[in-house]
């Protein structure tokens, strides 16, 4: 949520900055054109004034202007146009040049030869001798053309008044258009974006923390409840939606607790009610005189008692009422594998890898789950090769055997109670894998099967360490 919010804020800030900057540049371009037009009118007036002066007075007027410190223009009369290295045109420079040329031609006509350029201060040439700006007295031109430390480009206009007589005008554009550079995003605007984004993220982070705290409590309660622990009612807090979820969870917790209690009572009653008539039937079978009938009744009663014991054991093994606590899985594995290791055992089990940290779960249930997987591997596959993979996300145990494997179409059926593959002659209820999977499910995990290419079956126990 924070990342998405940050992205949305940055996109909004960037869009608003682009719109603001485009409007700023449009306004500046409009002001630049207005200033350039005003400057061109002043140039046209100066040209008209010099044209009106007698030829002999023109040098005198120029000398007086220089002695007075000049004007906003540096003006001279040359016998030829001066060559200078011009600047490459940019949209702003070209707009100024077009406006100045247009105004001058409107007032002076199309007959005179007019050239308008932008040059660097260091490339500027003045007078026929081609003097540089630094070679002139400071009172002549520096006040009009120097703007240190910026040193902006200088607008040079040369107009032919008569054959062999060129009026030379050099000037700067007025502030704030002196540099003619497009306005970039101001530093103040960047700081404004950074500060507002930081404030919004801080506010939203506090809001997310306030909303996620009851969700975390709810997640912990749901995990503990899935493991069968006694869970208190979740405190209803946060936003209205979170309060609604907490209220629904508390109602569900109450219903599930009542259901588990009733189920335990039901199976206790079933266990008591079934064992009693089976015992009475066995006593009556003993009184039968026909041995053939006696054996048939005894076999049917044995089968009935096996089914009852299997069903009760299934419920008992998968509904272990334990508190959740850190379980040392390495110790559990050592206890289960040690009887099969040499020299005391027959070497029918091997182990590689170990758990990196304790796992929060039910100790006896996890021990029964792993024990069932090992017992099944040794019983039906002759060997049990254990390999542990553990990280911050999940604990994974692979149990490989050397048996015939399981047909693909039977992969799910072997988890059903009392199901046995054809040819399996070992005694048992056929409940081991089902009990192991139910215990794994109660911890939020899974038990899966996979046939190995070289023969044998791999049973994988996956126990997540984090709640998604």
Protein backbone atom coordinates (compact mmCIF):
# COMPACT_ATOMS: atom_id res chain seq x y z
CA UNK A 1 0.00 0.00 0.00
CA UNK A 2 2.84 2.38 0.81
CA UNK A 3 4.56 1.68 -2.50
CA UNK A 4 1.34 2.12 -4.49
CA UNK A 5 0.57 5.31 -2.57
CA UNK A 6 4.08 6.63 -3.19
CA UNK A 7 3.70 5.86 -6.89
CA UNK A 8 0.32 7.61 -7.05
CA UNK A 9 1.64 10.66 -5.17
CA UNK A 10 4.73 10.93 -7.36
CA UNK A 11 2.66 10.58 -10.54
CA UNK A 12 0.24 13.26 -9.33
CA UNK A 13 3.10 15.56 -8.35
CA UNK A 14 4.89 14.96 -11.65
CA UNK A 15 1.71 15.63 -13.65
CA UNK A 16 0.97 18.82 -11.74
CA UNK A 17 4.59 19.95 -12.12
CA UNK A 18 4.53 19.30 -15.87
CA UNK A 19 1.28 21.29 -16.23
CA UNK A 20 2.62 24.10 -14.05
CA UNK A 21 5.94 24.19 -15.90
CA UNK A 22 4.25 24.21 -19.31
CA UNK A 23 2.02 27.08 -18.24
CA UNK A 24 5.03 28.92 -16.81
CA UNK A 25 6.95 28.51 -20.05
CA UNK A 26 3.96 29.64 -22.11
CA UNK A 27 3.61 32.74 -19.91
CA UNK A 28 7.32 33.43 -20.15
CA UNK A 29 7.25 33.03 -23.94
CA UNK A 30 4.38 35.49 -24.13
CA UNK A 31 6.27 37.97 -21.93
CA UNK A 32 9.46 37.43 -23.93
CA UNK A 33 7.71 38.20 -27.20
CA UNK A 34 6.14 41.34 -25.67
CA UNK A 35 9.55 42.52 -24.39
CA UNK A 36 11.21 41.76 -27.74
CA UNK A 37 8.48 43.69 -29.55
CA UNK A 38 8.98 46.68 -27.22
CA UNK A 39 12.73 46.49 -27.79
CA UNK A 40 12.20 46.40 -31.57
CA UNK A 41 9.98 49.51 -31.39
CA UNK A 42 12.77 51.30 -29.52
CA UNK A 43 15.26 50.20 -32.18
CA UNK A 44 12.95 51.42 -34.95
CA UNK A 45 12.60 54.79 -33.18
CA UNK A 46 16.39 55.06 -32.86
CA UNK A 47 16.84 54.30 -36.55
CA UNK A 48 14.24 56.89 -37.49
CA UNK A 49 15.96 59.44 -35.24
CA UNK A 50 19.39 58.85 -36.81
CA UNK A 51 17.88 59.00 -40.25
CA UNK A 52 16.44 62.43 -39.43
CA UNK A 53 19.84 63.82 -38.34
CA UNK A 54 22.11 65.52 -40.86
CA UNK A 55 25.05 63.36 -41.78
CA UNK A 56 27.52 65.65 -40.01
CA UNK A 57 25.57 65.51 -36.71
CA UNK A 58 25.38 61.75 -36.43
CA UNK A 59 28.98 61.20 -35.18
CA UNK A 60 28.56 64.09 -32.72
CA UNK A 61 25.42 62.55 -31.23
CA UNK A 62 27.15 59.18 -30.86
CA UNK A 63 30.10 60.83 -29.09
CA UNK A 64 27.75 62.60 -26.70
CA UNK A 65 25.97 59.34 -25.90
CA UNK A 66 29.24 57.60 -25.15
CA UNK A 67 30.40 60.49 -22.95
CA UNK A 68 27.13 60.30 -20.99
CA UNK A 69 27.57 56.56 -20.39
CA UNK A 70 25.45 55.31 -23.25
CA UNK A 71 21.85 54.16 -23.36
CA UNK A 72 20.21 50.74 -23.27
CA UNK A 73 21.79 50.27 -26.74
CA UNK A 74 25.35 50.37 -27.95
CA UNK A 75 25.07 52.28 -31.25
CA UNK A 76 27.71 52.94 -33.87
CA UNK A 77 27.93 53.87 -37.53
CA UNK A 78 30.04 51.52 -39.66
CA UNK A 79 30.91 51.49 -43.33
CA UNK A 80 30.18 47.79 -43.62
CA UNK A 81 28.37 45.01 -41.72
CA UNK A 82 30.54 43.23 -39.15
CA UNK A 83 30.97 39.43 -39.26
CA UNK A 84 30.61 37.59 -35.93
CA UNK A 85 30.11 34.01 -34.81
CA UNK A 86 26.38 33.68 -34.13
CA UNK A 87 24.63 31.39 -31.66
CA UNK A 88 22.61 28.39 -32.73
CA UNK A 89 18.90 29.27 -32.75
CA UNK A 90 16.61 27.89 -30.06
CA UNK A 91 12.81 28.27 -29.96
CA UNK A 92 13.10 31.33 -27.71
CA UNK A 93 15.95 32.93 -29.66
CA UNK A 94 14.19 32.32 -32.95
CA UNK A 95 10.97 33.84 -31.59
CA UNK A 96 12.86 37.01 -30.57
CA UNK A 97 14.64 37.26 -33.91
CA UNK A 98 11.39 36.86 -35.84
CA UNK A 99 9.57 39.49 -33.79
CA UNK A 100 12.42 42.05 -34.03
CA UNK A 101 12.78 41.53 -37.77
CA UNK A 102 9.00 41.83 -38.27
CA UNK A 103 8.71 45.10 -36.31
CA UNK A 104 11.74 46.68 -37.96
CA UNK A 105 10.47 45.89 -41.43
CA UNK A 106 7.01 47.20 -40.56
CA UNK A 107 8.50 50.58 -39.56
CA UNK A 108 11.50 50.81 -41.91
CA UNK A 109 10.07 49.10 -44.95
CA UNK A 110 11.44 46.20 -46.94
CA UNK A 111 14.13 48.18 -48.78
CA UNK A 112 16.92 48.44 -46.19
CA UNK A 113 19.08 45.38 -45.59
CA UNK A 114 18.48 44.22 -42.00
CA UNK A 115 20.28 41.44 -40.11
CA UNK A 116 19.47 40.36 -36.54
CA UNK A 117 21.70 37.91 -34.62
CA UNK A 118 22.47 36.63 -31.16
CA UNK A 119 26.19 36.46 -30.27
CA UNK A 120 28.19 35.65 -27.16
CA UNK A 121 29.80 38.56 -25.30
CA UNK A 122 33.26 37.20 -26.08
CA UNK A 123 32.43 36.97 -29.82
CA UNK A 124 30.98 40.50 -30.04
CA UNK A 125 32.69 42.91 -32.43
CA UNK A 126 32.17 46.69 -32.42
CA UNK A 127 33.25 49.34 -34.97
CA UNK A 128 34.86 48.71 -38.29
CA UNK A 129 38.13 47.74 -36.62
CA UNK A 130 36.37 44.77 -35.00
CA UNK A 131 37.17 45.71 -31.41
CA UNK A 132 36.14 43.33 -28.64
CA UNK A 133 33.91 44.35 -25.76
CA UNK A 134 36.79 44.21 -23.26
CA UNK A 135 38.88 46.52 -25.46
CA UNK A 136 36.42 49.42 -25.12
CA UNK A 137 36.23 51.88 -22.22
CA UNK A 138 33.82 50.55 -19.60
CA UNK A 139 31.68 53.68 -19.83
CA UNK A 140 31.02 53.10 -23.52
CA UNK A 141 29.41 49.69 -23.59
CA UNK A 142 29.88 47.64 -20.42
CA UNK A 143 26.94 49.15 -18.58
CA UNK A 144 24.62 48.31 -21.43
CA UNK A 145 26.00 44.91 -22.50
CA UNK A 146 27.60 43.39 -19.38
CA UNK A 147 25.61 41.49 -16.80
CA UNK A 148 28.13 39.53 -14.77
CA UNK A 149 28.32 36.76 -13.82
CA UNK A 150 25.55 35.61 -16.20
CA UNK A 151 27.01 37.13 -19.40
CA UNK A 152 23.83 36.54 -21.45
CA UNK A 153 23.74 36.52 -25.27
CA UNK A 154 23.68 39.93 -26.98
CA UNK A 155 21.18 40.89 -29.67
CA UNK A 156 23.04 42.53 -32.59
CA UNK A 157 21.06 44.38 -35.25
CA UNK A 158 22.74 45.92 -38.33
CA UNK A 159 20.68 48.15 -40.65
CA UNK A 160 21.86 49.67 -43.90
CA UNK A 161 20.94 53.40 -43.81
CA UNK A 162 22.64 54.22 -47.09
CA UNK A 163 25.30 52.81 -49.32
CA UNK A 164 28.44 52.41 -47.20
CA UNK A 165 26.63 53.44 -44.00
CA UNK A 166 25.41 50.77 -41.54
CA UNK A 167 23.75 51.49 -38.23
CA UNK A 168 25.01 49.03 -35.63
CA UNK A 169 22.80 48.38 -32.54
CA UNK A 170 23.75 45.92 -29.74
CA UNK A 171 21.54 45.34 -26.71
CA UNK A 172 20.38 42.92 -24.04
CA UNK A 173 16.84 41.76 -23.48
CA UNK A 174 15.29 43.13 -20.28
CA UNK A 175 14.94 41.08 -17.11
CA UNK A 176 13.76 38.38 -16.52
CA UNK A 177 14.34 37.26 -20.12
CA UNK A 178 18.05 38.10 -20.25
CA UNK A 179 19.39 34.54 -20.48
CA UNK A 180 16.75 33.32 -22.99
CA UNK A 181 16.92 29.85 -21.40
CA UNK A 182 13.77 27.84 -20.77
CA UNK A 183 12.76 27.74 -17.15
CA UNK A 184 13.46 24.40 -15.49
CA UNK A 185 11.63 23.09 -12.45
CA UNK A 186 12.67 25.44 -9.63
CA UNK A 187 14.49 24.01 -6.64
CA UNK A 188 11.70 25.29 -4.38
CA UNK A 189 9.19 23.25 -6.36
CA UNK A 190 11.36 20.13 -6.02
CA UNK A 191 11.56 20.64 -2.25
CA UNK A 192 7.80 21.21 -2.14
CA UNK A 193 7.19 17.91 -3.95
CA UNK A 194 9.61 16.07 -1.64
CA UNK A 195 8.12 17.53 1.55
CA UNK A 196 4.49 16.98 0.56
CA UNK A 197 5.26 13.43 -0.60
CA UNK A 198 7.06 12.70 2.66
CA UNK A 199 4.19 14.12 4.71
CA UNK A 200 1.61 12.10 2.78
CA UNK A 201 3.65 8.91 3.12
CA UNK A 202 4.07 9.47 6.86
CA UNK A 203 0.35 10.07 7.28
CA UNK A 204 -0.63 7.08 5.13
CA UNK A 205 1.99 4.90 6.86
CA UNK A 206 0.42 5.69 10.24
CA UNK A 207 -3.01 5.00 8.76
CA UNK A 208 -1.89 1.66 7.29
CA UNK A 209 -0.26 0.70 10.61
CA UNK A 210 -3.47 1.59 12.44
CA UNK A 211 -5.51 -0.52 10.02
CA UNK A 212 -3.07 -3.44 9.81
CA UNK A 213 -2.59 -3.88 13.57
CA UNK A 214 -6.05 -5.46 14.12
CA UNK A 215 -5.55 -7.48 10.92
CA UNK A 216 -2.30 -8.88 12.33
CA UNK A 217 -4.09 -9.80 15.54
CA UNK A 218 -6.80 -11.46 13.49
CA UNK A 219 -4.21 -13.38 11.43
CA UNK A 220 -2.46 -14.65 14.57
CA UNK A 221 -5.78 -15.69 16.09
CA UNK A 222 -6.79 -17.49 12.88
CA UNK A 223 -3.47 -19.34 12.75
CA UNK A 224 -3.71 -20.39 16.40
CA UNK A 225 -7.29 -21.46 15.88
CA UNK A 226 -6.33 -23.52 12.81
CA UNK A 227 -3.83 -25.35 15.00
CA UNK A 228 -6.55 -26.17 17.52
CA UNK A 229 -5.45 -23.82 20.29
CA UNK A 230 -7.92 -22.08 22.58
CA UNK A 231 -8.36 -18.58 21.16
CA UNK A 232 -9.90 -15.63 22.96
CA UNK A 233 -12.30 -13.34 21.15
CA UNK A 234 -10.48 -10.86 18.90
CA UNK A 235 -10.69 -7.23 19.99
CA UNK A 236 -12.81 -5.38 17.44
CA UNK A 237 -10.91 -2.30 16.25
CA UNK A 238 -9.74 -0.39 13.18
CA UNK A 239 -11.89 0.67 10.26
CA UNK A 240 -15.50 -0.37 9.82
CA UNK A 241 -14.56 -3.17 7.40
CA UNK A 242 -11.94 -4.55 9.81
CA UNK A 243 -14.44 -4.38 12.68
CA UNK A 244 -16.93 -6.33 10.54
CA UNK A 245 -14.32 -9.01 9.77
CA UNK A 246 -13.35 -9.29 13.47
CA UNK A 247 -17.00 -9.63 14.45
CA UNK A 248 -17.52 -12.37 11.83
CA UNK A 249 -14.36 -14.17 13.05
CA UNK A 250 -15.54 -14.11 16.65
CA UNK A 251 -18.90 -15.56 15.61
CA UNK A 252 -17.14 -18.27 13.59
CA UNK A 253 -14.84 -19.06 16.53
CA UNK A 254 -17.84 -19.55 18.78
CA UNK A 255 -19.56 -21.86 16.30
CA UNK A 256 -16.42 -23.94 15.66
CA UNK A 257 -15.70 -24.29 19.40
CA UNK A 258 -19.26 -25.49 19.98
CA UNK A 259 -18.95 -27.87 17.02
CA UNK A 260 -15.67 -29.36 18.30
CA UNK A 261 -17.11 -29.85 21.75
CA UNK A 262 -20.19 -31.56 20.37
CA UNK A 263 -18.07 -33.72 18.06
CA UNK A 264 -15.89 -34.88 20.95
CA UNK A 265 -18.97 -35.75 22.96
CA UNK A 266 -20.47 -37.56 19.97
CA UNK A 267 -17.43 -39.77 19.40
CA UNK A 268 -17.12 -40.50 23.11
CA UNK A 269 -20.73 -41.64 23.08
CA UNK A 270 -20.17 -43.68 19.90
CA UNK A 271 -17.11 -45.33 21.41
CA UNK A 272 -19.02 -46.27 24.54
CA UNK A 273 -22.20 -47.32 22.74
CA UNK A 274 -20.45 -49.51 20.16
CA UNK A 275 -17.98 -51.28 22.42
CA UNK A 276 -20.70 -52.46 24.76
CA UNK A 277 -22.86 -54.33 22.17
CA UNK A 278 -19.75 -55.75 20.48
CA UNK A 279 -18.64 -57.18 23.84
CA UNK A 280 -22.10 -58.66 24.43
CA UNK A 281 -22.13 -60.19 20.95
CA UNK A 282 -18.75 -61.82 21.60
CA UNK A 283 -20.10 -63.41 24.77
CA UNK A 284 -23.12 -64.75 22.89
CA UNK A 285 -20.93 -66.09 20.07
CA UNK A 286 -19.03 -68.13 22.66
CA UNK A 287 -22.29 -69.85 23.54
CA UNK A 288 -22.95 -71.03 19.98
CA UNK A 289 -22.59 -74.74 19.52
CA UNK A 290 -21.94 -74.63 15.78
CA UNK A 291 -18.22 -73.94 15.47
CA UNK A 292 -18.58 -72.89 11.82
CA UNK A 293 -21.14 -70.25 12.69
CA UNK A 294 -19.05 -69.27 15.69
CA UNK A 295 -15.98 -68.61 13.48
CA UNK A 296 -18.05 -66.60 10.97
CA UNK A 297 -19.59 -64.44 13.71
CA UNK A 298 -16.17 -63.96 15.35
CA UNK A 299 -14.64 -62.87 12.02
CA UNK A 300 -17.46 -60.38 11.42
CA UNK A 301 -17.09 -58.98 14.94
CA UNK A 302 -13.32 -58.66 14.51
CA UNK A 303 -13.85 -56.71 11.32
CA UNK A 304 -16.48 -54.51 12.96
CA UNK A 305 -14.23 -53.83 15.95
CA UNK A 306 -11.31 -53.01 13.60
CA UNK A 307 -13.44 -50.46 11.77
CA UNK A 308 -14.61 -48.87 15.02
CA UNK A 309 -11.06 -48.70 16.42
CA UNK A 310 -9.76 -47.27 13.16
CA UNK A 311 -12.41 -44.55 13.04
CA UNK A 312 -11.86 -43.61 16.69
CA UNK A 313 -8.09 -43.64 16.26
CA UNK A 314 -8.40 -41.39 13.19
CA UNK A 315 -10.38 -38.85 15.20
CA UNK A 316 -8.09 -39.16 18.19
CA UNK A 317 -4.87 -38.77 16.21
CA UNK A 318 -6.00 -35.81 14.10
CA UNK A 319 -7.71 -33.89 16.89
CA UNK A 320 -4.87 -33.58 19.39
CA UNK A 321 -5.61 -30.87 21.94
CA UNK A 322 -2.21 -29.29 22.55
CA UNK A 323 -0.94 -25.81 23.05
CA UNK A 324 1.12 -24.28 20.27
CA UNK A 325 4.76 -23.92 21.25
CA UNK A 326 8.18 -23.84 19.56
CA UNK A 327 8.99 -27.40 18.49
CA UNK A 328 12.58 -28.55 18.01
CA UNK A 329 12.09 -30.54 14.81
CA UNK A 330 15.71 -31.73 14.87
CA UNK A 331 15.06 -33.43 18.20
CA UNK A 332 11.81 -34.92 16.84
CA UNK A 333 13.62 -36.32 13.80
CA UNK A 334 16.45 -37.71 15.91
CA UNK A 335 13.97 -39.53 18.15
CA UNK A 336 12.12 -41.02 15.17
CA UNK A 337 15.13 -41.97 13.02
CA UNK A 338 17.52 -43.15 15.75
CA UNK A 339 15.93 -46.66 16.15
CA UNK A 340 16.56 -47.35 12.46
CA UNK A 341 20.19 -46.17 12.38
CA UNK A 342 23.13 -48.56 12.87
CA UNK A 343 24.48 -50.06 15.07
CA UNK A 344 21.24 -50.42 17.08
CA UNK A 345 18.98 -50.44 14.00
CA UNK A 346 19.19 -52.14 10.63
CA UNK A 347 20.15 -49.00 8.72
CA UNK A 348 16.77 -48.68 7.03
CA UNK A 349 16.70 -44.87 7.49
CA UNK A 350 19.05 -42.02 6.57
CA UNK A 351 18.83 -38.28 7.19
CA UNK A 352 20.36 -35.24 5.48
CA UNK A 353 19.90 -31.61 6.48
CA UNK A 354 18.38 -30.10 9.59
CA UNK A 355 15.87 -27.50 10.70
CA UNK A 356 17.30 -23.99 11.06
CA UNK A 357 14.93 -22.86 13.82
CA UNK A 358 12.14 -24.20 16.04
CA UNK A 359 8.70 -24.48 14.43
CA UNK A 360 5.58 -23.12 16.19
CA UNK A 361 3.14 -26.01 16.37
CA UNK A 362 1.82 -28.97 18.37
CA UNK A 363 4.71 -31.19 19.49
CA UNK A 364 2.91 -34.56 19.72
CA UNK A 365 0.90 -33.98 16.55
CA UNK A 366 4.00 -33.11 14.52
CA UNK A 367 5.85 -36.10 15.94
CA UNK A 368 2.95 -38.39 14.98
CA UNK A 369 2.74 -36.84 11.49
CA UNK A 370 6.46 -37.33 10.72
CA UNK A 371 6.47 -40.72 12.43
CA UNK A 372 3.63 -41.94 10.19
CA UNK A 373 5.55 -40.87 7.07
CA UNK A 374 8.71 -42.70 8.20
CA UNK A 375 6.80 -45.82 9.26
CA UNK A 376 4.95 -45.96 5.92
CA UNK A 377 8.20 -45.57 3.96
CA UNK A 378 9.88 -48.42 5.86
CA UNK A 379 6.77 -50.61 5.89
CA UNK A 380 5.93 -50.33 2.20
CA UNK A 381 9.21 -49.14 0.69
CA UNK A 382 11.80 -50.92 2.90
CA UNK A 383 13.92 -47.74 3.33
CA UNK A 384 13.30 -44.16 4.46
CA UNK A 385 15.69 -41.50 3.16
CA UNK A 386 14.97 -38.17 4.84
CA UNK A 387 16.07 -34.81 3.43
CA UNK A 388 15.31 -31.53 5.20
CA UNK A 389 15.01 -28.12 3.51
CA UNK A 390 14.39 -25.19 5.83
CA UNK A 391 14.29 -21.41 5.38
CA UNK A 392 12.41 -18.38 6.67
CA UNK A 393 9.31 -19.27 4.64
CA UNK A 394 8.77 -22.98 5.23
CA UNK A 395 10.06 -26.24 6.68
CA UNK A 396 10.08 -29.00 4.05
CA UNK A 397 10.75 -32.69 4.72
CA UNK A 398 11.19 -35.18 1.85
CA UNK A 399 10.84 -38.88 2.73
CA UNK A 400 11.96 -41.18 -0.11
CA UNK A 401 11.50 -44.93 -0.08
CA UNK A 402 12.63 -47.80 -2.32
CA UNK A 403 9.24 -49.37 -2.91
CA UNK A 404 7.15 -49.79 -6.07
CA UNK A 405 5.58 -46.32 -5.78
CA UNK A 406 1.91 -45.44 -6.15
CA UNK A 407 -0.06 -45.43 -9.42
CA UNK A 408 -0.81 -41.90 -10.56
CA UNK A 409 -4.57 -42.51 -10.51
CA UNK A 410 -4.31 -43.63 -6.86
CA UNK A 411 -2.33 -40.64 -5.55
CA UNK A 412 -5.28 -39.10 -3.73
CA UNK A 413 -7.02 -42.31 -2.75
CA UNK A 414 -4.14 -43.42 -0.51
CA UNK A 415 -5.04 -40.56 1.84
CA UNK A 416 -8.55 -41.94 2.35
CA UNK A 417 -9.22 -43.93 5.55
CA UNK A 418 -8.85 -47.72 5.29
CA UNK A 419 -7.62 -47.57 1.69
CA UNK A 420 -4.85 -50.05 0.80
CA UNK A 421 -3.20 -50.73 -2.52
CA UNK A 422 -3.59 -54.19 -4.00
CA UNK A 423 -0.83 -56.46 -2.79
CA UNK A 424 -0.29 -54.65 0.52
CA UNK A 425 -0.39 -57.42 3.10
CA UNK A 426 0.88 -55.47 6.12
CA UNK A 427 -1.44 -55.14 9.11
CA UNK A 428 -2.87 -51.70 9.92
CA UNK A 429 -5.88 -49.49 9.58
CA UNK A 430 -4.77 -47.71 6.40
CA UNK A 431 -4.89 -44.36 8.24
CA UNK A 432 -1.22 -43.25 8.38
CA UNK A 433 -1.11 -40.94 5.37
CA UNK A 434 -4.57 -39.52 6.04
CA UNK A 435 -3.66 -38.69 9.64
CA UNK A 436 -0.37 -37.12 8.52
CA UNK A 437 -2.12 -34.95 5.93
CA UNK A 438 -4.80 -33.84 8.40
CA UNK A 439 -2.13 -32.80 10.91
CA UNK A 440 -0.26 -30.93 8.18
CA UNK A 441 -3.48 -29.18 7.15
CA UNK A 442 -4.12 -28.15 10.75
CA UNK A 443 -0.69 -26.41 10.68
CA UNK A 444 -1.46 -24.71 7.36
CA UNK A 445 0.75 -27.17 5.46
CA UNK A 446 0.40 -30.06 3.04
CA UNK A 447 1.51 -33.64 2.39
CA UNK A 448 2.06 -34.55 -1.27
CA UNK A 449 3.25 -37.63 -3.18
CA UNK A 450 5.57 -38.01 -6.15
CA UNK A 451 6.89 -41.12 -7.88
CA UNK A 452 10.66 -41.06 -8.38
CA UNK A 453 12.14 -41.81 -11.79
CA UNK A 454 14.52 -44.44 -10.46
CA UNK A 455 11.76 -46.16 -8.51
CA UNK A 456 10.27 -45.45 -5.16
CA UNK A 457 7.92 -42.86 -3.73
CA UNK A 458 8.68 -39.38 -2.38
CA UNK A 459 6.39 -38.03 0.32
CA UNK A 460 6.83 -34.29 0.96
CA UNK A 461 5.73 -32.57 4.15
CA UNK A 462 5.41 -28.80 3.73
CA UNK A 463 4.95 -26.66 6.85
CA UNK A 464 4.84 -22.87 6.29
CA UNK A 465 6.60 -20.64 8.79
CA UNK A 466 4.68 -17.52 7.74
CA UNK A 467 0.96 -16.95 7.35
CA UNK A 468 0.02 -15.59 3.90
